Amino acid sequence: MKAPSYNLLDEPWMPVRLKNGQTVHLGLLDVFRRSEEIVALADTSPASLVAHYRLLVAIFRRALYRDWPQGWSIEDEADWYENGLPLPLVVDYLEHWRERFWLFHPEHPFMQVAALAFAPETCDKVKPWTQVSLASASGNTPLVFDHSCDDIPSEVAPGVALTHLLGFLQFTPGGLVKTIRASDKSGPLANTAALIPLGDTLARTLLLCLPPFVAAQAEHDLPAWEQQAPSVADLLRAPTIAAGPNDRYTRQTRAVLLLLEESGGVRWIRFAAGVALEEDDSAPDPMASYRPGSNGLVRLTFTQGRAVWRDLPTLLPNPVGKSRAAATLLHALSLHEELDGAVPVYQPLLVAGLASDQAKLERWRAEQLVLPSVLLHDVDKLQFLGELLERAERFFFDLRGLGALMLASALPDPDNKDTRSRARSMLDNSPFSATYFSAAELAMPELLGLLAETRISEADHAWSTALRQAARDAWDLLLEGMGKSGKVLLAVAPFYPLFVGLLNKQLPITEPSAEDAI
């Protein structure tokens, strides 16, 4: 039996960015000890980045519970926000559980299943480590930027393998596994755009993201390292609802065992179905936002070509209840209210994750929005912002329809249903949409600033002006792409008056009034 190696409390494995701009790797003890000089976590994979934040939040919550079993208050959090984290509690907690933070351990390897080394289904089978790398090609996944080979996988450092594993466990889509069980459930954040309020230091970010203490679940809401080592029988059990945020943030949704090479790296793993998670509609993921769907609320995810700012009405608190903002943002707002005068002028929001279609990963993304804090606390302004963004979407829907008709008019048999369908497809595959929304996005900082200053009519005027220009940019691009043949010119001539009429009807320009009010 090999001795434990690579303790995550000491080994420098987690990438962080310091205030001086330098990116370094630190062990967990130093991540917390230096949390006041760390600006943010620095992993380049959106999935791993979110998973790292969730890991640190789970550690911090359990450290607090160990010394505050009756719970802590928002007043306590405000004190820590202004005066620093209670670091002795966190260090003491990590040292108490030091034995569970060995990456390689015969009984309790961190976030892994030691039983796979002896289970008949896995003891003689290995897979390349890229099986748990969402950015790598493995199995029948398509080759885009990665051309690794399953038979000859590259060797990576243990910390790199862990970083990929953490992101994989949180974001893996459901699907076939064929080991221990035929298939398995998805990870807690599968197909989700996770929202993380950011502070000016890592310490403050953890406080902004801290799920509130709930006495009824605190005793049983254990992170993976405090639970018993999963057995094969555990992997065969039916999916279970998360006991709370700590369980969700560290759920071992797939059973994995990293295999240490003699050279000190990782090349192979053992892999099987994991401790399956059953979703509970009454206990949504704290980092997930929900928008209206055909059968109720659905999670916000990343859609091809759609920038995050277009989904602000879903991301932010909705005064009319059409959507549900992430609990992390609601908690951050509560903490800001408690801080009162210490509230920052702007609140950065990190939105990161990946989108998938069933078991196929389609795209991942990490975007940062910076919003005026005063705007987040004003229900009327949030509602008006939602109306303005809805105006942009509604107008584009009609503009797209008119553009598709114009494009079809220049094609053979323009009145045919198939021709119009082809024209819509051509338009959607062109830069038409990107041109419109990219131009509109340039006006967002001005819009948010005017709303924050309660200059409502000016905001309305500026937004309509920006949308009119965005529409003209997209329309001109469409005309340019259609060419200037005589047939095209004759076909498009009747549509310009319709275009102008659409502008004047939906985006009339009026001078801002002297008095602003909502």
Foldseek 3Di string as FASTA:
>chain_A
DDAFDDFQQADFQWWFAFPVRDIGGGGPLVCQVCQFGTQATDDPALLLRVLVLLVNLLLLLVLCCVVCVVFDDLLVLLCCLVPNDPSVSSVVSCVVLRVLRGCDHCFRHHLAFNQLCPDPQWVPDKWWLCVLAPVEDDDPFDDDPHDADGVFFDWDASSVSVSSNSSSQAAAQWDAFCTLDGTAHGAQQHQAFFKFWGDRTSRNSSSLQRDGDDSVLVVPQAAPSVDGRDHSVQLNDDADAHSDSRCRSRPSQKHKRFDADPVNTTTIMTTGGGRGHDYDPVHRHLGWWWAQDPVGTDTDGDDPLDDCVLCLCRQADAPVPRIGHRNSNVSSLVSLVSNVVVRDQKIKMWTWDFHADRRHTDDTDIDIDIAGSLCRVDNVLSNVVNVLSVLLVVLVVVLLLLLLLLQLLLDPPSVDPVSSVVSSVVLVPDCLVVQQVVQLVVCVVVLRVCSSVLLPLVSLQSNLVSNVVSSVRSVVVSLVVSDDDPSSCVSCVVSVVVSVVSSCVSRNHDDRDPDGDD
